[in-house]
Protein backbone atom coordinates (compact mmCIF):
# COMPACT_ATOMS: atom_id res chain seq x y z
CA UNK A 1 0.08 -0.05 -0.10
CA UNK A 2 1.37 3.42 -1.07
CA UNK A 3 0.59 6.61 1.01
CA UNK A 4 1.91 10.04 1.19
CA UNK A 5 4.64 10.96 3.52
CA UNK A 6 2.24 12.72 5.87
CA UNK A 7 -0.11 9.90 6.15
CA UNK A 8 2.67 7.42 6.51
CA UNK A 9 4.17 9.66 9.40
CA UNK A 10 0.79 9.56 11.17
CA UNK A 11 0.56 5.88 10.65
CA UNK A 12 4.00 5.15 12.14
CA UNK A 13 3.27 7.55 15.11
CA UNK A 14 -0.11 5.92 15.88
CA UNK A 15 1.41 2.33 15.51
CA UNK A 16 4.27 3.41 17.81
CA UNK A 17 1.80 4.63 20.54
CA UNK A 18 0.28 1.29 20.66
CA UNK A 19 3.58 -0.50 20.50
CA UNK A 20 2.74 -2.02 17.09
CA UNK A 21 4.43 -2.18 13.68
CA UNK A 22 2.61 -0.25 10.89
CA UNK A 23 1.49 -3.42 9.35
CA UNK A 24 0.11 -4.89 12.72
CA UNK A 25 -1.58 -1.41 13.40
CA UNK A 26 -3.39 -1.44 10.03
CA UNK A 27 -4.53 -5.08 10.37
CA UNK A 28 -5.92 -4.14 13.88
CA UNK A 29 -7.81 -1.23 12.33
CA UNK A 30 -9.15 -3.17 9.48
CA UNK A 31 -10.53 -6.12 11.35
CA UNK A 32 -14.19 -5.97 12.06
CA UNK A 33 -15.36 -6.23 15.81
CA UNK A 34 -17.38 -9.50 16.44
CA UNK A 35 -20.91 -9.18 17.77
CA UNK A 36 -21.10 -8.64 21.55
CA UNK A 37 -17.81 -6.70 21.64
CA UNK A 38 -15.57 -9.74 21.83
CA UNK A 39 -13.12 -8.23 19.39
CA UNK A 40 -11.64 -9.59 16.26
CA UNK A 41 -8.61 -11.71 15.88
CA UNK A 42 -6.33 -12.40 18.81
CA UNK A 43 -3.14 -10.41 19.00
CA UNK A 44 -1.02 -13.45 18.25
CA UNK A 45 -2.80 -14.14 14.99
CA UNK A 46 -2.78 -10.47 14.02
CA UNK A 47 1.07 -10.46 14.59
CA UNK A 48 1.44 -13.75 12.66
CA UNK A 49 -0.43 -12.39 9.67
CA UNK A 50 1.34 -9.07 9.84
CA UNK A 51 4.88 -10.80 9.97
CA UNK A 52 3.80 -12.96 7.12
CA UNK A 53 2.76 -10.14 4.94
CA UNK A 54 5.88 -8.24 5.74
CA UNK A 55 8.01 -11.26 4.77
CA UNK A 56 6.01 -11.66 1.49
CA UNK A 57 6.49 -8.06 0.69
CA UNK A 58 10.35 -8.29 1.21
CA UNK A 59 10.35 -11.35 -0.94
CA UNK A 60 8.41 -9.63 -3.79
CA UNK A 61 10.73 -6.59 -3.67
CA UNK A 62 13.74 -8.94 -3.85
CA UNK A 63 12.31 -10.89 -6.81
CA UNK A 64 11.37 -7.66 -8.63
CA UNK A 65 15.03 -6.55 -8.12
CA UNK A 66 16.49 -9.77 -9.24
CA UNK A 67 14.14 -9.74 -12.29
CA UNK A 68 15.39 -6.22 -13.23
CA UNK A 69 18.91 -7.32 -12.84
CA UNK A 70 18.45 -10.50 -14.90
CA UNK A 71 16.72 -8.57 -17.61
CA UNK A 72 19.63 -6.15 -17.78
CA UNK A 73 22.06 -8.81 -18.14
CA UNK A 74 19.88 -10.48 -20.87
CA UNK A 75 19.89 -7.21 -22.85
CA UNK A 76 23.64 -6.70 -22.32
CA UNK A 77 24.83 -10.14 -23.21
CA UNK A 78 21.96 -11.38 -25.28
CA UNK A 79 21.75 -14.74 -23.77
CA UNK A 80 19.79 -16.52 -21.11
CA UNK A 81 21.50 -18.15 -18.16
CA UNK A 82 20.18 -20.70 -15.53
CA UNK A 83 19.33 -18.03 -12.92
CA UNK A 84 15.99 -17.39 -14.44
CA UNK A 85 14.63 -20.81 -13.45
CA UNK A 86 15.61 -20.32 -9.68
CA UNK A 87 14.15 -16.69 -9.89
CA UNK A 88 10.95 -17.64 -11.31
CA UNK A 89 10.56 -20.49 -8.72
CA UNK A 90 11.29 -18.17 -5.87
CA UNK A 91 8.61 -15.68 -7.22
CA UNK A 92 6.14 -18.45 -7.71
CA UNK A 93 6.55 -19.78 -3.98
CA UNK A 94 6.17 -16.12 -2.80
CA UNK A 95 2.86 -15.66 -4.70
CA UNK A 96 1.63 -19.03 -3.49
CA UNK A 97 2.35 -17.84 0.01
CA UNK A 98 0.59 -14.59 -0.48
CA UNK A 99 -2.45 -16.43 -1.88
CA UNK A 100 -2.53 -18.53 1.15
CA UNK A 101 -2.42 -15.50 3.59
CA UNK A 102 -4.98 -13.58 1.53
CA UNK A 103 -7.35 -16.51 1.56
CA UNK A 104 -6.90 -16.84 5.51
CA UNK A 105 -7.52 -13.07 5.74
CA UNK A 106 -10.58 -13.35 3.55
CA UNK A 107 -11.86 -16.21 5.52
CA UNK A 108 -11.22 -14.77 8.83
CA UNK A 109 -12.77 -11.31 8.11
CA UNK A 110 -16.04 -12.58 7.02
């Protein structure tokens, strides 16, 4: 999610006030309250999802960077090397994990 600098600063401040990371804070804010005021997910579940999303985000940035580097080498030298297969496998595994986490979020937020 992209936000302007002012919004990010406010999010970071509010998250720090609650002792949370920005992803954990956003997840807390997004979860619906259950009937009877029992709250949504447990704090442990929220943290697990926030950590999983953070890891997935890092992996997606990494695979995007590697793909750009691979493409630059391909254009420079004009030949494909074995690194592409590993890169694509890494990217597919990351997307599969993202799909799992999003499915859990979708099921948990209904």
